[in-house]
Protein backbone atom coordinates (compact mmCIF):
# COMPACT_ATOMS: atom_id res chain seq x y z
CA MET A 1 -5.63 -3.96 25.80
CA LEU A 2 -1.68 -4.84 26.25
CA ASN A 3 -2.76 -7.36 29.16
CA ALA A 4 -5.22 -9.80 27.42
CA TYR A 5 -2.23 -10.67 25.20
CA SER A 6 0.73 -10.81 27.55
CA PRO A 7 3.57 -10.06 24.92
CA GLN A 8 6.55 -12.65 24.74
CA ASN A 9 8.34 -9.82 23.53
CA ASP A 10 9.67 -11.97 20.70
CA LEU A 11 10.39 -10.28 17.24
CA ASN A 12 11.05 -12.66 14.30
CA TYR A 13 12.39 -10.60 11.55
CA PHE A 14 13.19 -11.53 8.11
CA TYR A 15 14.26 -10.11 4.53
CA CYS A 16 14.01 -11.30 0.51
CA ASP A 17 17.94 -11.16 -0.39
CA SER A 18 18.59 -8.03 -1.96
CA ASP A 19 20.32 -8.82 -5.31
CA SER A 20 17.32 -10.16 -6.60
CA THR A 21 13.71 -9.38 -8.22
CA TYR A 22 10.55 -10.54 -6.45
CA GLN A 23 7.23 -9.62 -8.07
CA MET A 24 4.11 -9.20 -6.06
CA ASP A 25 0.55 -8.55 -6.75
CA ILE A 26 -0.56 -5.53 -4.45
CA GLY A 27 -4.48 -5.58 -5.81
CA THR A 28 -6.23 -2.38 -6.58
CA VAL A 29 -7.31 0.58 -4.32
CA ASP A 30 -10.84 -1.28 -2.89
CA LEU A 31 -12.31 -0.38 0.50
CA VAL A 32 -15.52 -2.58 0.24
CA ASN A 33 -14.26 -5.65 -1.18
CA ALA A 34 -12.08 -7.79 1.14
CA GLN A 35 -8.89 -8.70 -1.59
CA GLN A 36 -6.47 -11.33 -1.15
CA TRP A 37 -2.41 -10.91 -0.97
CA VAL A 38 0.48 -13.79 -1.56
CA MET A 39 4.11 -12.97 -0.10
CA PRO A 40 6.43 -13.46 -3.13
CA ASN A 41 7.76 -16.76 -3.87
CA CYS A 42 11.00 -15.87 -2.34
CA THR A 43 13.53 -17.38 0.33
CA LEU A 44 12.86 -15.96 3.69
CA VAL A 45 16.34 -16.08 5.31
CA GLY A 46 16.68 -14.81 9.00
CA SER A 47 18.75 -11.32 9.21
CA ASP A 48 21.95 -11.63 10.96
CA VAL A 49 21.71 -7.65 11.18
CA GLY A 50 18.27 -7.52 12.73
CA LYS A 51 16.88 -9.44 16.04
CA GLY A 52 14.31 -8.85 18.87
CA ILE A 53 15.26 -9.03 22.14
CA PRO A 54 13.59 -9.08 25.00
CA ILE A 55 12.19 -5.46 26.30
CA ALA A 56 13.14 -6.30 30.19
CA SER A 57 16.91 -6.85 29.06
CA ALA A 58 16.94 -4.26 26.09
CA PRO A 59 19.83 -1.22 26.85
CA TYR A 60 17.82 2.25 26.95
CA LYS A 61 14.05 0.99 27.68
CA GLN A 62 14.42 3.62 30.01
CA TYR A 63 13.70 6.12 27.94
CA PHE A 64 10.55 4.35 25.99
CA PRO A 65 8.46 3.20 29.24
CA GLU A 66 5.76 2.41 27.41
CA ALA A 67 7.62 0.13 24.78
CA THR A 68 6.47 -3.59 24.67
CA HIS A 69 9.02 -4.84 22.05
CA CYS A 70 12.79 -3.98 21.13
CA LYS A 71 14.31 -4.38 18.11
CA GLN A 72 18.00 -4.61 17.69
CA TYR A 73 20.44 -3.72 14.61
CA THR A 74 23.83 -4.71 14.86
CA TYR A 75 26.45 -3.33 12.03
CA PRO A 76 30.62 -3.21 11.92
CA ASP A 77 30.68 0.42 13.76
CA GLU A 78 26.87 0.66 14.88
CA ILE A 79 24.04 -0.88 16.85
CA ASP A 80 20.68 0.35 16.72
CA TYR A 81 17.83 -0.15 18.60
CA GLU A 82 13.74 0.40 17.76
CA PHE A 83 11.15 0.32 20.44
CA TYR A 84 7.73 -0.54 19.79
CA GLN A 85 4.12 -0.42 21.45
CA PHE A 86 2.34 -3.12 20.65
CA SER A 87 -1.71 -3.61 21.35
CA GLN A 88 -4.56 -4.91 20.43
CA ASN A 89 -5.50 -2.15 18.38
CA GLN A 90 -2.45 -0.55 17.71
CA ILE A 91 1.14 -0.71 16.34
CA THR A 92 3.45 2.40 17.38
CA LEU A 93 7.21 2.88 17.02
CA CYS A 94 7.78 4.40 20.33
CA GLY A 95 11.77 5.67 19.47
CA GLU A 96 14.93 5.02 18.11
CA VAL A 97 18.30 4.73 19.59
CA ASP A 98 21.53 4.93 17.89
CA HIS A 99 24.54 3.49 19.30
CA PRO A 100 27.78 4.33 17.82
CA LEU A 101 31.55 1.74 18.22
CA THR A 102 33.39 4.14 17.36
CA GLY A 103 33.35 6.83 20.19
CA ASP A 104 30.73 8.99 19.44
CA SER A 105 27.96 9.85 21.33
CA VAL A 106 24.46 7.62 21.89
CA GLU A 107 21.38 9.52 19.49
CA VAL A 108 18.20 9.17 21.45
CA ASP A 109 14.99 9.71 19.45
CA THR A 110 12.24 10.06 21.60
CA THR A 111 10.43 11.52 18.52
CA ASP A 112 6.08 10.23 18.61
CA PHE A 113 6.91 10.08 14.60
CA LEU A 114 3.76 7.78 13.87
CA MET A 115 4.73 4.48 11.81
CA ALA A 116 1.58 2.81 11.53
CA THR A 117 -1.74 2.49 13.51
CA LEU A 118 -4.71 -0.02 13.41
CA ASN A 119 -7.39 1.79 15.13
CA ILE A 120 -8.12 3.91 11.70
CA ASP A 121 -10.83 4.16 9.29
CA LEU A 122 -10.64 2.98 5.97
CA ASN A 123 -11.18 6.20 4.21
CA THR A 124 -8.62 7.71 6.45
CA LYS A 125 -5.49 9.14 5.14
CA PHE A 126 -3.02 11.35 7.43
CA THR A 127 -0.13 13.00 7.08
CA ALA A 128 3.05 12.66 9.70
CA VAL A 129 6.63 14.76 9.63
CA ASP A 130 9.58 14.62 11.90
CA SER A 131 13.11 16.79 11.25
CA ASN A 132 16.31 17.14 13.14
CA THR A 133 19.07 19.69 12.15
CA ILE A 134 22.99 18.34 12.48
CA ASP A 135 25.90 20.20 11.55
CA GLY A 136 24.03 22.66 10.03
CA LYS A 137 21.52 20.61 7.78
CA THR A 138 18.33 20.20 8.07
CA PHE A 139 16.94 16.54 7.54
CA VAL A 140 12.87 16.17 6.89
CA TYR A 141 10.86 13.01 6.91
CA LYS A 142 7.07 13.10 6.10
CA GLU A 143 5.52 10.29 5.77
CA ASP A 144 1.86 10.61 3.75
CA ILE A 145 -0.37 7.49 4.53
CA ALA A 146 -3.34 5.87 3.46
CA VAL A 147 -5.85 2.86 4.29
CA GLU A 148 -6.47 1.53 1.20
CA GLY A 149 -8.17 -1.78 1.54
CA PHE A 150 -8.38 -4.86 3.84
CA GLY A 151 -8.46 -8.64 3.30
CA THR A 152 -5.90 -11.62 3.45
CA LEU A 153 -2.71 -11.84 3.42
CA THR A 154 -0.99 -15.06 2.36
CA THR A 155 2.45 -15.89 4.61
CA PRO A 156 4.48 -18.79 5.70
CA ASP A 157 2.43 -18.78 9.02
CA GLY A 158 -0.85 -18.89 7.43
CA ASN A 159 -3.11 -16.38 6.38
CA VAL A 160 -3.27 -13.21 8.09
CA ASP A 161 -6.24 -11.02 7.96
CA VAL A 162 -4.88 -7.09 7.34
CA LEU A 163 -5.07 -3.78 6.20
CA LYS A 164 -3.51 -2.58 3.12
CA ILE A 165 -1.73 1.08 3.93
CA ARG A 166 0.03 3.03 1.33
CA ASN A 167 2.97 5.03 2.57
CA SER A 168 4.53 7.53 0.26
CA TYR A 169 7.81 8.44 2.61
CA SER A 170 9.80 11.22 1.67
CA GLN A 171 13.12 12.31 2.96
CA PHE A 172 14.38 16.02 2.24
CA ILE A 173 17.90 17.70 3.11
CA TYR A 174 18.25 21.49 3.47
CA ASP A 175 21.73 23.25 3.71
CA ASP A 176 22.16 26.33 6.26
CA LYS A 177 20.75 29.00 4.21
CA GLY A 178 17.46 26.41 3.63
CA GLN A 179 17.98 25.32 0.10
CA LEU A 180 16.73 21.80 -1.03
CA THR A 181 19.90 20.11 -2.02
CA TYR A 182 18.53 16.30 -1.74
CA GLN A 183 14.98 14.63 -1.98
CA ASP A 184 14.04 11.10 -2.29
CA VAL A 185 10.76 9.61 -2.19
CA SER A 186 9.84 5.57 -1.19
CA PRO A 187 6.54 3.88 -2.17
CA VAL A 188 5.98 1.73 0.52
CA ILE A 189 3.07 -0.65 0.88
CA THR A 190 1.87 -2.38 4.51
CA PHE A 191 0.22 -5.36 4.97
CA VAL A 192 -0.62 -5.51 8.84
CA GLY A 193 -2.91 -7.22 11.04
CA LYS A 194 -3.79 -6.75 14.75
CA ASP A 195 -2.18 -9.90 15.89
CA GLY A 196 1.38 -8.27 14.77
CA HIS A 197 2.14 -9.53 11.55
CA ARG A 198 3.23 -7.12 9.39
CA LEU A 199 4.61 -6.98 5.59
CA ASP A 200 6.30 -4.04 4.18
CA ILE A 201 7.57 -4.10 0.04
CA GLU A 202 9.18 -1.08 -1.24
CA LEU A 203 8.33 -0.12 -4.83
CA PRO A 204 10.71 1.15 -7.02
CA ASP A 205 10.39 4.75 -8.20
CA ASN A 206 7.76 5.22 -10.62
CA SER A 207 6.08 2.08 -9.92
CA PRO A 208 2.57 0.80 -11.13
CA THR A 209 0.03 1.06 -7.83
CA THR A 210 -2.11 -1.39 -8.55
CA GLY A 211 -1.91 -5.07 -10.08
CA THR A 212 1.60 -6.99 -9.77
CA VAL A 213 4.59 -5.17 -9.51
CA GLU A 214 8.32 -5.71 -8.82
CA VAL A 215 9.40 -5.49 -5.28
CA ASP A 216 13.14 -3.84 -4.65
CA TRP A 217 13.01 -4.71 -0.58
CA MET A 218 10.79 -6.59 1.77
CA GLU A 219 10.86 -6.94 5.67
CA TYR A 220 8.11 -9.52 7.09
CA LEU A 221 7.87 -8.86 10.73
CA LYS A 222 6.19 -11.60 13.40
CA ILE A 223 5.11 -10.80 16.45
CA VAL A 224 4.97 -13.94 18.81
CA TYR A 225 2.35 -13.93 21.46
CA ASN A 226 2.44 -16.46 24.33
CA PRO A 227 -0.87 -16.58 26.30
CA THR A 228 0.41 -17.76 29.39
CA ALA A 229 3.29 -15.59 29.93
CA VAL A 230 3.78 -12.46 32.04
CA SER A 231 5.20 -9.15 30.70
CA ALA A 232 8.21 -7.50 33.11
CA GLU A 233 5.58 -4.82 33.99
CA ASN A 234 3.28 -7.19 35.39
CA GLN A 235 5.67 -9.41 37.36
CA SER A 236 5.57 -9.66 41.42
CA VAL A 237 7.70 -7.08 43.47
CA ASN A 238 8.58 -7.12 47.24
CA LYS A 239 9.12 -3.89 47.80
CA PHE A 240 7.90 0.11 47.74
CA ALA A 241 9.74 2.40 45.30
CA LEU A 242 9.49 5.40 43.15
CA GLU A 243 12.13 5.65 40.93
CA GLN A 244 13.45 9.38 39.15
CA ASN A 245 11.99 10.60 36.83
CA TYR A 246 12.94 11.10 32.98
CA PRO A 247 13.47 12.81 31.68
CA ASN A 248 14.63 15.49 34.61
CA PRO A 249 14.89 18.49 33.55
CA PHE A 250 12.31 18.08 31.62
CA ASN A 251 9.87 20.21 29.21
CA PRO A 252 6.71 20.36 29.42
CA SER A 253 6.23 15.84 30.25
CA THR A 254 7.72 13.54 32.13
CA THR A 255 7.38 9.72 33.05
CA ILE A 256 7.01 8.55 36.49
CA LYS A 257 7.80 4.90 37.38
CA TYR A 258 6.89 3.37 40.93
CA GLN A 259 6.09 -0.20 42.26
CA LEU A 260 3.90 -0.93 45.40
CA ALA A 261 4.85 -4.43 47.04
CA GLN A 262 1.28 -4.54 48.73
CA ASN A 263 -2.52 -3.36 47.86
CA GLY A 264 -3.75 -0.42 48.92
CA GLN A 265 -4.40 3.61 49.30
CA VAL A 266 -1.99 5.40 46.96
CA SER A 267 -1.34 9.29 45.78
CA LEU A 268 1.36 10.37 43.85
CA LYS A 269 1.44 14.24 43.94
CA VAL A 270 3.79 17.41 43.08
CA PHE A 271 4.80 20.17 45.56
CA ASN A 272 6.36 23.70 45.01
CA THR A 273 9.53 24.37 46.98
CA LEU A 274 7.54 25.86 49.82
CA GLY A 275 5.94 22.97 50.52
CA LYS A 276 1.93 23.65 48.58
CA GLU A 277 0.51 20.97 46.39
CA VAL A 278 0.22 22.11 42.97
CA ALA A 279 -0.86 18.92 41.37
CA GLU A 280 -2.51 15.61 42.16
CA ILE A 281 -1.54 12.55 39.76
CA LEU A 282 -3.09 9.77 41.35
CA ASN A 283 -5.30 9.26 44.17
CA GLY A 284 -7.05 5.79 44.55
CA ASP A 285 -6.59 2.35 45.45
CA GLN A 286 -4.00 0.59 43.47
CA LYS A 287 -3.00 -3.36 43.05
CA ALA A 288 0.57 -4.50 43.71
CA GLY A 289 2.99 -4.27 41.13
CA SER A 290 4.70 -1.57 38.44
CA TYR A 291 3.58 1.25 37.54
CA SER A 292 4.26 4.30 35.04
CA VAL A 293 2.57 7.67 34.16
CA LYS A 294 3.19 10.25 32.59
CA PHE A 295 3.38 14.22 34.98
CA ASP A 296 2.50 17.23 32.42
CA GLY A 297 3.92 20.28 33.98
CA SER A 298 2.68 22.77 30.70
CA LYS A 299 0.34 24.56 33.62
CA LEU A 300 3.42 25.29 36.12
CA SER A 301 6.24 27.99 35.53
CA SER A 302 9.77 26.58 35.32
CA GLY A 303 11.90 25.70 38.72
CA ILE A 304 12.37 22.50 41.04
CA TYR A 305 9.33 20.88 42.32
CA TYR A 306 8.99 17.34 44.29
CA TYR A 307 6.98 14.53 43.74
CA GLN A 308 5.69 12.42 46.46
CA LEU A 309 4.11 8.82 46.38
CA HIS A 310 2.37 7.78 49.52
CA ALA A 311 0.89 4.27 49.68
CA THR A 312 -1.16 2.77 52.75
CA ASP A 313 -1.86 -1.08 53.22
CA PRO A 314 -3.07 -2.85 56.37
CA GLY A 315 -1.16 -1.54 59.26
CA GLN A 316 1.59 0.63 57.35
CA ASP A 317 2.24 3.77 55.49
CA TYR A 318 4.99 4.37 53.13
CA THR A 319 6.05 8.15 51.72
CA ILE A 320 8.91 8.65 49.26
CA THR A 321 9.67 12.01 48.09
CA LYS A 322 11.74 13.38 44.83
CA LYS A 323 12.92 16.01 43.03
CA LEU A 324 12.33 17.30 39.84
CA MET A 325 13.02 20.37 37.02
CA LEU A 326 10.79 22.01 34.75
CA ILE A 327 12.32 23.99 32.31
CA LYS A 328 10.76 26.21 29.76
């Protein structure tokens, strides 16, 4: 799906002036009839905080091998990165990296916490939950998502066919005794199209859910695709290589990346310390290029294993073996 688009890895990010009030007609909940929405009549300015950067040069990309786009936020004391995977039918937030400039450790969030997907039915409703504990406090994030309609959104780039999605985003904080100390619910309306255009608007608390409403905050995200571009994962390679799996140690899954300089027969297998084959990840013909696969070790016991890449092209065989560790 993704190769059909050959993404240019360009994120165009805009926002409204935060000290102004804007209004927008968000229509009604209608899963039968197409609707028409228009972005607020306001000045969109280029963000000096958030910008898209090429995925090939994005720091920490090794944590998100499936990512196709990266968005960078620059603050006085921190640089943050969001990694997205865009395909023909889905938009997913792969994870985030917080890079403090104050000497604190870098935080990597590889959760598969769902942002918004396009391959959902109009009547779909679902809930996504994520949590983490820091210094005894537990932070819980919850998204109650429901598709409310479809139609056309008028943007500075013209009309875009979109789904309208309502997201009641909630944040809860509990102390070390499990007592709730903070709660916030932010109603967010998202208009998202298959070509990557996306408009997020946050409404005030107790805002009406239909018709003309005030907009507290707005973000307009446009993904630019270039049909002639070649993604970094598919650029030609001139060597046979097997990278160290990541994460390592792992539980229960890890990602293995490798490169093939020629077309040929390829196998990737896992062996225990006695040399016995315990898993076959792949075995078949592949074209030259860069590849990334996931290995699920949930059926294996903790310990040290070896993964071996073997490739055969006309006149020559290649074999590389590396060690991985499964900890449960």
